[in-house]
Amino acid sequence: MNWDWSAVADFMPAFWDGVLTTLQALVLGSLISFTLGLVWAIAFRAPARFIRWPVGLITEFIRNTPLLVQLFFLFFVLPEWGIQFSALTTGIVAIGLHYSTYTAQVYRAGIEAVPAGQWEAATALSLPGRRTWFAVILPQAFRRVVPALGNYVISMLKDTPLLMSIGVLEMLQQARLQGASTFQYTEPLTVVGLAFIVIAYPASLLLRALERRLVR
């Protein structure tokens, strides 16, 4: 089997569109997961049980059901209730919501690792709850959890091909469509595989360097 460079050239326009869509889903999904995960983590420490228990049930349900099922539910079921988004928006929300339950546990571990003396000092200084969280606790917790959060970004990147199941034209879907139209699958699929490596491997190296720096 010969490598056909013309097939690669023909695939490039669609490939770059797929890259932009993939990165858009990754960046926005990450922002949702990081923000919502922090909300879950703080809610876990709420003194009221009527807050902690529903949050625990919701996050456990989301974490223990497949992302693909959640994608189908948001895309095919919600419109029956009058709630409808584009395929890309649905994919971004699904990825962000799914991974927020994992980042919540990361935040939770980071918060619990903050020494009890920090909480006691904030109480002794009569700091209000919001200032205690955002000026004392969270800055210390973030330092501990950044590497783990970065690992989930890479996991989200590797899960973006699932978005093709609801018609999002990310990289793999573009390769599949190119192969279906030309009957040449090797070149587009190889390009997509290399693209994932080019994005994920440098990111993993950066995370290792960041982890070593933060541990000092």
C-alpha atoms as a PDB file:
ATOM      1  CA  MET A   1       0.000   0.000   0.000  1.00  0.00           C
ATOM      2  CA  ASN A   2       1.409   3.351  -1.074  1.00  0.00           C
ATOM      3  CA  TRP A   3       1.020   6.554   0.885  1.00  0.00           C
ATOM      4  CA  ASP A   4      -0.990   9.054  -1.158  1.00  0.00           C
ATOM      5  CA  TRP A   5       0.139  12.610  -0.419  1.00  0.00           C
ATOM      6  CA  SER A   6      -2.597  14.017  -2.639  1.00  0.00           C
ATOM      7  CA  ALA A   7      -5.174  12.456  -0.293  1.00  0.00           C
ATOM      8  CA  VAL A   8      -3.504  14.254   2.606  1.00  0.00           C
ATOM      9  CA  ALA A   9      -3.580  17.558   0.722  1.00  0.00           C
ATOM     10  CA  ASP A  10      -7.264  17.080  -0.115  1.00  0.00           C
ATOM     11  CA  PHE A  11      -8.016  16.372   3.542  1.00  0.00           C
ATOM     12  CA  MET A  12      -6.226  19.425   4.958  1.00  0.00           C
ATOM     13  CA  PRO A  13      -9.069  22.006   4.690  1.00  0.00           C
ATOM     14  CA  ALA A  14     -11.532  19.713   6.448  1.00  0.00           C
ATOM     15  CA  PHE A  15      -8.832  18.677   8.926  1.00  0.00           C
ATOM     16  CA  TRP A  16      -8.171  22.255  10.052  1.00  0.00           C
ATOM     17  CA  ASP A  17     -11.894  22.830  10.479  1.00  0.00           C
ATOM     18  CA  GLY A  18     -11.962  19.706  12.638  1.00  0.00           C
ATOM     19  CA  VAL A  19      -8.974  20.913  14.677  1.00  0.00           C
ATOM     20  CA  LEU A  20     -10.686  24.232  15.420  1.00  0.00           C
ATOM     21  CA  THR A  21     -13.890  22.461  16.439  1.00  0.00           C
ATOM     22  CA  THR A  22     -11.986  20.005  18.627  1.00  0.00           C
ATOM     23  CA  LEU A  23     -10.042  22.766  20.368  1.00  0.00           C
ATOM     24  CA  GLN A  24     -13.209  24.804  20.856  1.00  0.00           C
ATOM     25  CA  ALA A  25     -14.922  21.848  22.505  1.00  0.00           C
ATOM     26  CA  LEU A  26     -11.841  21.189  24.622  1.00  0.00           C
ATOM     27  CA  VAL A  27     -11.307  24.754  25.845  1.00  0.00           C
ATOM     28  CA  LEU A  28     -14.946  25.558  26.582  1.00  0.00           C
ATOM     29  CA  GLY A  29     -15.606  22.120  28.051  1.00  0.00           C
ATOM     30  CA  SER A  30     -12.582  22.550  30.311  1.00  0.00           C
ATOM     31  CA  LEU A  31     -13.802  25.938  31.510  1.00  0.00           C
ATOM     32  CA  ILE A  32     -17.190  24.463  32.380  1.00  0.00           C
ATOM     33  CA  SER A  33     -15.674  21.477  34.153  1.00  0.00           C
ATOM     34  CA  PHE A  34     -13.235  23.592  36.185  1.00  0.00           C
ATOM     35  CA  THR A  35     -15.878  26.142  37.192  1.00  0.00           C
ATOM     36  CA  LEU A  36     -18.691  23.717  37.933  1.00  0.00           C
ATOM     37  CA  GLY A  37     -16.304  21.300  39.627  1.00  0.00           C
ATOM     38  CA  LEU A  38     -15.313  24.033  42.062  1.00  0.00           C
ATOM     39  CA  VAL A  39     -18.984  24.722  42.784  1.00  0.00           C
ATOM     40  CA  TRP A  40     -19.553  21.014  43.498  1.00  0.00           C
ATOM     41  CA  ALA A  41     -16.469  20.868  45.743  1.00  0.00           C
ATOM     42  CA  ILE A  42     -17.554  23.846  47.841  1.00  0.00           C
ATOM     43  CA  ALA A  43     -21.087  22.447  48.055  1.00  0.00           C
ATOM     44  CA  PHE A  44     -19.665  19.194  49.450  1.00  0.00           C
ATOM     45  CA  ARG A  45     -18.500  21.176  52.478  1.00  0.00           C
ATOM     46  CA  ALA A  46     -21.799  22.960  53.030  1.00  0.00           C
ATOM     47  CA  PRO A  47     -23.012  22.575  56.610  1.00  0.00           C
ATOM     48  CA  ALA A  48     -26.576  21.833  55.470  1.00  0.00           C
ATOM     49  CA  ARG A  49     -27.346  18.232  54.516  1.00  0.00           C
ATOM     50  CA  PHE A  50     -30.065  19.293  52.076  1.00  0.00           C
ATOM     51  CA  ILE A  51     -27.244  20.801  49.986  1.00  0.00           C
ATOM     52  CA  ARG A  52     -24.576  18.111  50.416  1.00  0.00           C
ATOM     53  CA  TRP A  53     -26.765  15.091  49.747  1.00  0.00           C
ATOM     54  CA  PRO A  54     -28.361  16.202  46.453  1.00  0.00           C
ATOM     55  CA  VAL A  55     -24.969  17.371  45.173  1.00  0.00           C
ATOM     56  CA  GLY A  56     -23.455  14.012  46.116  1.00  0.00           C
ATOM     57  CA  LEU A  57     -26.242  12.087  44.370  1.00  0.00           C
ATOM     58  CA  ILE A  58     -26.046  14.214  41.223  1.00  0.00           C
ATOM     59  CA  THR A  59     -22.271  13.974  40.895  1.00  0.00           C
ATOM     60  CA  GLU A  60     -22.238  10.233  41.576  1.00  0.00           C
ATOM     61  CA  PHE A  61     -24.920   9.666  38.949  1.00  0.00           C
ATOM     62  CA  ILE A  62     -23.059  11.713  36.336  1.00  0.00           C
ATOM     63  CA  ARG A  63     -19.675  10.167  37.135  1.00  0.00           C
ATOM     64  CA  ASN A  64     -21.016   6.612  36.962  1.00  0.00           C
ATOM     65  CA  THR A  65     -22.848   6.887  33.650  1.00  0.00           C
ATOM     66  CA  PRO A  66     -21.012   6.893  30.304  1.00  0.00           C
ATOM     67  CA  LEU A  67     -20.328  10.178  28.586  1.00  0.00           C
ATOM     68  CA  LEU A  68     -21.850   8.760  25.396  1.00  0.00           C
ATOM     69  CA  VAL A  69     -25.164   8.121  27.166  1.00  0.00           C
ATOM     70  CA  GLN A  70     -25.131  11.669  28.502  1.00  0.00           C
ATOM     71  CA  LEU A  71     -24.447  13.025  25.008  1.00  0.00           C
ATOM     72  CA  PHE A  72     -27.409  11.128  23.590  1.00  0.00           C
ATOM     73  CA  PHE A  73     -29.649  12.222  26.454  1.00  0.00           C
ATOM     74  CA  LEU A  74     -28.810  15.903  26.056  1.00  0.00           C
ATOM     75  CA  PHE A  75     -29.053  15.813  22.259  1.00  0.00           C
ATOM     76  CA  PHE A  76     -32.076  13.553  21.713  1.00  0.00           C
ATOM     77  CA  VAL A  77     -34.135  13.721  24.917  1.00  0.00           C
ATOM     78  CA  LEU A  78     -33.942  17.379  25.965  1.00  0.00           C
ATOM     79  CA  PRO A  79     -35.530  18.604  22.694  1.00  0.00           C
ATOM     80  CA  GLU A  80     -38.640  16.604  23.652  1.00  0.00           C
ATOM     81  CA  TRP A  81     -38.848  18.893  26.693  1.00  0.00           C
ATOM     82  CA  GLY A  82     -38.417  22.014  24.591  1.00  0.00           C
ATOM     83  CA  ILE A  83     -34.679  22.435  25.350  1.00  0.00           C
ATOM     84  CA  GLN A  84     -32.528  22.294  22.233  1.00  0.00           C
ATOM     85  CA  PHE A  85     -28.932  23.281  21.485  1.00  0.00           C
ATOM     86  CA  SER A  86     -26.656  22.858  18.501  1.00  0.00           C
ATOM     87  CA  ALA A  87     -24.632  19.656  18.313  1.00  0.00           C
ATOM     88  CA  LEU A  88     -21.400  21.441  19.239  1.00  0.00           C
ATOM     89  CA  THR A  89     -22.983  23.277  22.186  1.00  0.00           C
ATOM     90  CA  THR A  90     -24.486  20.014  23.411  1.00  0.00           C
ATOM     91  CA  GLY A  91     -21.089  18.326  23.179  1.00  0.00           C
ATOM     92  CA  ILE A  92     -19.362  21.129  25.067  1.00  0.00           C
ATOM     93  CA  VAL A  93     -21.967  21.059  27.842  1.00  0.00           C
ATOM     94  CA  ALA A  94     -21.822  17.260  28.079  1.00  0.00           C
ATOM     95  CA  ILE A  95     -18.026  17.159  28.332  1.00  0.00           C
ATOM     96  CA  GLY A  96     -17.950  19.995  30.846  1.00  0.00           C
ATOM     97  CA  LEU A  97     -20.711  18.513  32.985  1.00  0.00           C
ATOM     98  CA  HIS A  98     -19.256  15.004  32.900  1.00  0.00           C
ATOM     99  CA  TYR A  99     -15.733  16.023  33.819  1.00  0.00           C
ATOM    100  CA  SER A 100     -16.894  18.526  36.445  1.00  0.00           C
ATOM    101  CA  THR A 101     -17.696  15.559  38.664  1.00  0.00           C
ATOM    102  CA  TYR A 102     -14.071  14.421  38.420  1.00  0.00           C
ATOM    103  CA  THR A 103     -12.543  17.863  38.882  1.00  0.00           C
ATOM    104  CA  ALA A 104     -14.816  18.280  41.911  1.00  0.00           C
ATOM    105  CA  GLN A 105     -13.038  15.379  43.596  1.00  0.00           C
ATOM    106  CA  VAL A 106      -9.680  16.916  42.703  1.00  0.00           C
ATOM    107  CA  TYR A 107     -10.704  20.233  44.223  1.00  0.00           C
ATOM    108  CA  ARG A 108     -12.105  18.418  47.232  1.00  0.00           C
ATOM    109  CA  ALA A 109      -8.809  16.639  47.842  1.00  0.00           C
ATOM    110  CA  GLY A 110      -6.903  19.906  47.461  1.00  0.00           C
ATOM    111  CA  ILE A 111      -9.186  21.703  49.902  1.00  0.00           C
ATOM    112  CA  GLU A 112      -8.933  18.921  52.465  1.00  0.00           C
ATOM    113  CA  ALA A 113      -5.136  19.013  52.160  1.00  0.00           C
ATOM    114  CA  VAL A 114      -5.044  22.625  53.376  1.00  0.00           C
ATOM    115  CA  PRO A 115      -3.851  22.490  57.018  1.00  0.00           C
ATOM    116  CA  ALA A 116      -6.574  22.898  59.634  1.00  0.00           C
ATOM    117  CA  GLY A 117      -4.548  25.744  61.116  1.00  0.00           C
ATOM    118  CA  GLN A 118      -5.369  27.868  58.066  1.00  0.00           C
ATOM    119  CA  TRP A 119      -9.091  27.534  58.775  1.00  0.00           C
ATOM    120  CA  GLU A 120      -8.494  28.289  62.444  1.00  0.00           C
ATOM    121  CA  ALA A 121      -6.401  31.358  61.625  1.00  0.00           C
ATOM    122  CA  ALA A 122      -9.134  32.703  59.333  1.00  0.00           C
ATOM    123  CA  THR A 123     -11.687  32.164  62.086  1.00  0.00           C
ATOM    124  CA  ALA A 124      -9.443  33.873  64.647  1.00  0.00           C
ATOM    125  CA  LEU A 125      -9.137  36.888  62.332  1.00  0.00           C
ATOM    126  CA  SER A 126     -12.928  36.959  61.935  1.00  0.00           C
ATOM    127  CA  LEU A 127     -12.651  36.738  58.174  1.00  0.00           C
ATOM    128  CA  PRO A 128     -15.996  36.369  56.398  1.00  0.00           C
ATOM    129  CA  GLY A 129     -16.664  33.032  54.732  1.00  0.00           C
ATOM    130  CA  ARG A 130     -16.199  34.304  51.179  1.00  0.00           C
ATOM    131  CA  ARG A 131     -12.846  35.891  51.994  1.00  0.00           C
ATOM    132  CA  THR A 132     -11.716  32.779  53.842  1.00  0.00           C
ATOM    133  CA  TRP A 133     -12.404  30.705  50.767  1.00  0.00           C
ATOM    134  CA  PHE A 134     -10.999  33.000  48.088  1.00  0.00           C
ATOM    135  CA  ALA A 135      -8.102  34.607  49.958  1.00  0.00           C
ATOM    136  CA  VAL A 136      -6.886  31.773  52.186  1.00  0.00           C
ATOM    137  CA  ILE A 137      -8.115  28.301  51.240  1.00  0.00           C
ATOM    138  CA  LEU A 138      -8.516  28.190  47.470  1.00  0.00           C
ATOM    139  CA  PRO A 139      -5.117  29.732  46.569  1.00  0.00           C
ATOM    140  CA  GLN A 140      -3.411  26.990  48.587  1.00  0.00           C
ATOM    141  CA  ALA A 141      -5.694  24.274  47.203  1.00  0.00           C
ATOM    142  CA  PHE A 142      -5.144  25.367  43.585  1.00  0.00           C
ATOM    143  CA  ARG A 143      -1.405  24.953  43.968  1.00  0.00           C
ATOM    144  CA  ARG A 144      -1.948  21.305  44.845  1.00  0.00           C
ATOM    145  CA  VAL A 145      -4.511  20.442  42.195  1.00  0.00           C
ATOM    146  CA  VAL A 146      -3.239  22.133  39.014  1.00  0.00           C
ATOM    147  CA  PRO A 147      -1.340  19.048  37.732  1.00  0.00           C
ATOM    148  CA  ALA A 148      -4.342  16.763  38.296  1.00  0.00           C
ATOM    149  CA  LEU A 149      -6.669  19.207  36.546  1.00  0.00           C
ATOM    150  CA  GLY A 150      -4.271  19.267  33.614  1.00  0.00           C
ATOM    151  CA  ASN A 151      -4.483  15.496  33.341  1.00  0.00           C
ATOM    152  CA  TYR A 152      -8.236  15.764  32.957  1.00  0.00           C
ATOM    153  CA  VAL A 153      -7.774  18.267  30.135  1.00  0.00           C
ATOM    154  CA  ILE A 154      -5.852  15.594  28.255  1.00  0.00           C
ATOM    155  CA  SER A 155      -8.605  13.080  29.044  1.00  0.00           C
ATOM    156  CA  MET A 156     -11.188  15.505  27.677  1.00  0.00           C
ATOM    157  CA  LEU A 157      -9.131  15.887  24.499  1.00  0.00           C
ATOM    158  CA  LYS A 158      -9.136  12.125  24.006  1.00  0.00           C
ATOM    159  CA  ASP A 159     -12.906  12.006  24.544  1.00  0.00           C
ATOM    160  CA  THR A 160     -13.744  14.679  21.962  1.00  0.00           C
ATOM    161  CA  PRO A 161     -14.118  12.035  19.193  1.00  0.00           C
ATOM    162  CA  LEU A 162     -17.281  10.896  21.012  1.00  0.00           C
ATOM    163  CA  LEU A 163     -18.891  14.107  19.785  1.00  0.00           C
ATOM    164  CA  MET A 164     -19.041  12.629  16.291  1.00  0.00           C
ATOM    165  CA  SER A 165     -21.899  10.444  17.586  1.00  0.00           C
ATOM    166  CA  ILE A 166     -24.184  13.500  17.583  1.00  0.00           C
ATOM    167  CA  GLY A 167     -22.840  14.948  14.330  1.00  0.00           C
ATOM    168  CA  VAL A 168     -20.124  17.326  15.543  1.00  0.00           C
ATOM    169  CA  LEU A 169     -17.508  17.778  12.825  1.00  0.00           C
ATOM    170  CA  GLU A 170     -14.448  17.337  15.015  1.00  0.00           C
ATOM    171  CA  MET A 171     -11.209  15.831  13.701  1.00  0.00           C
ATOM    172  CA  LEU A 172     -12.233  12.166  13.649  1.00  0.00           C
ATOM    173  CA  GLN A 173     -15.589  12.870  12.052  1.00  0.00           C
ATOM    174  CA  GLN A 174     -13.873  14.897   9.350  1.00  0.00           C
ATOM    175  CA  ALA A 175     -11.496  11.986   8.704  1.00  0.00           C
ATOM    176  CA  ARG A 176     -14.386   9.528   8.555  1.00  0.00           C
ATOM    177  CA  LEU A 177     -16.293  11.679   6.080  1.00  0.00           C
ATOM    178  CA  GLN A 178     -13.179  12.140   3.952  1.00  0.00           C
ATOM    179  CA  GLY A 179     -12.581   8.412   3.902  1.00  0.00           C
ATOM    180  CA  ALA A 180     -16.202   7.699   3.016  1.00  0.00           C
ATOM    181  CA  SER A 181     -16.082  10.085   0.055  1.00  0.00           C
ATOM    182  CA  THR A 182     -12.716   8.967  -1.338  1.00  0.00           C
ATOM    183  CA  PHE A 183     -12.458   5.380  -0.010  1.00  0.00           C
ATOM    184  CA  GLN A 184      -9.041   6.316   1.350  1.00  0.00           C
ATOM    185  CA  TYR A 185      -9.101   6.016   5.124  1.00  0.00           C
ATOM    186  CA  THR A 186      -5.420   5.502   5.877  1.00  0.00           C
ATOM    187  CA  GLU A 187      -4.213   9.029   5.223  1.00  0.00           C
ATOM    188  CA  PRO A 188      -6.943  11.039   7.034  1.00  0.00           C
ATOM    189  CA  LEU A 189      -7.041   8.708  10.043  1.00  0.00           C
ATOM    190  CA  THR A 190      -3.254   8.771  10.321  1.00  0.00           C
ATOM    191  CA  VAL A 191      -3.214  12.571  10.187  1.00  0.00           C
ATOM    192  CA  VAL A 192      -5.836  12.740  12.946  1.00  0.00           C
ATOM    193  CA  GLY A 193      -3.951  10.255  15.108  1.00  0.00           C
ATOM    194  CA  LEU A 194      -0.759  12.264  14.741  1.00  0.00           C
ATOM    195  CA  ALA A 195      -2.659  15.461  15.555  1.00  0.00           C
ATOM    196  CA  PHE A 196      -3.834  14.018  18.869  1.00  0.00           C
ATOM    197  CA  ILE A 197      -0.260  13.055  19.707  1.00  0.00           C
ATOM    198  CA  VAL A 198       1.062  16.492  18.734  1.00  0.00           C
ATOM    199  CA  ILE A 199      -1.477  18.150  21.032  1.00  0.00           C
ATOM    200  CA  ALA A 200      -1.460  15.707  23.955  1.00  0.00           C
ATOM    201  CA  TYR A 201       2.224  14.800  24.320  1.00  0.00           C
ATOM    202  CA  PRO A 202       3.619  18.353  24.689  1.00  0.00           C
ATOM    203  CA  ALA A 203       0.764  19.083  27.086  1.00  0.00           C
ATOM    204  CA  SER A 204       1.737  16.098  29.225  1.00  0.00           C
ATOM    205  CA  LEU A 205       5.360  17.248  29.286  1.00  0.00           C
ATOM    206  CA  LEU A 206       4.243  20.723  30.324  1.00  0.00           C
ATOM    207  CA  LEU A 207       2.154  19.250  33.126  1.00  0.00           C
ATOM    208  CA  ARG A 208       5.105  17.244  34.444  1.00  0.00           C
ATOM    209  CA  ALA A 209       7.277  20.348  34.469  1.00  0.00           C
ATOM    210  CA  LEU A 210       4.525  22.320  36.182  1.00  0.00           C
ATOM    211  CA  GLU A 211       4.080  19.599  38.797  1.00  0.00           C
ATOM    212  CA  ARG A 212       7.804  19.576  39.581  1.00  0.00           C
ATOM    213  CA  ARG A 213       7.759  23.351  39.918  1.00  0.00           C
ATOM    214  CA  LEU A 214       4.779  23.413  42.226  1.00  0.00           C
ATOM    215  CA  VAL A 215       6.136  20.650  44.448  1.00  0.00           C
ATOM    216  CA  ARG A 216       9.259  22.676  45.259  1.00  0.00           C
END
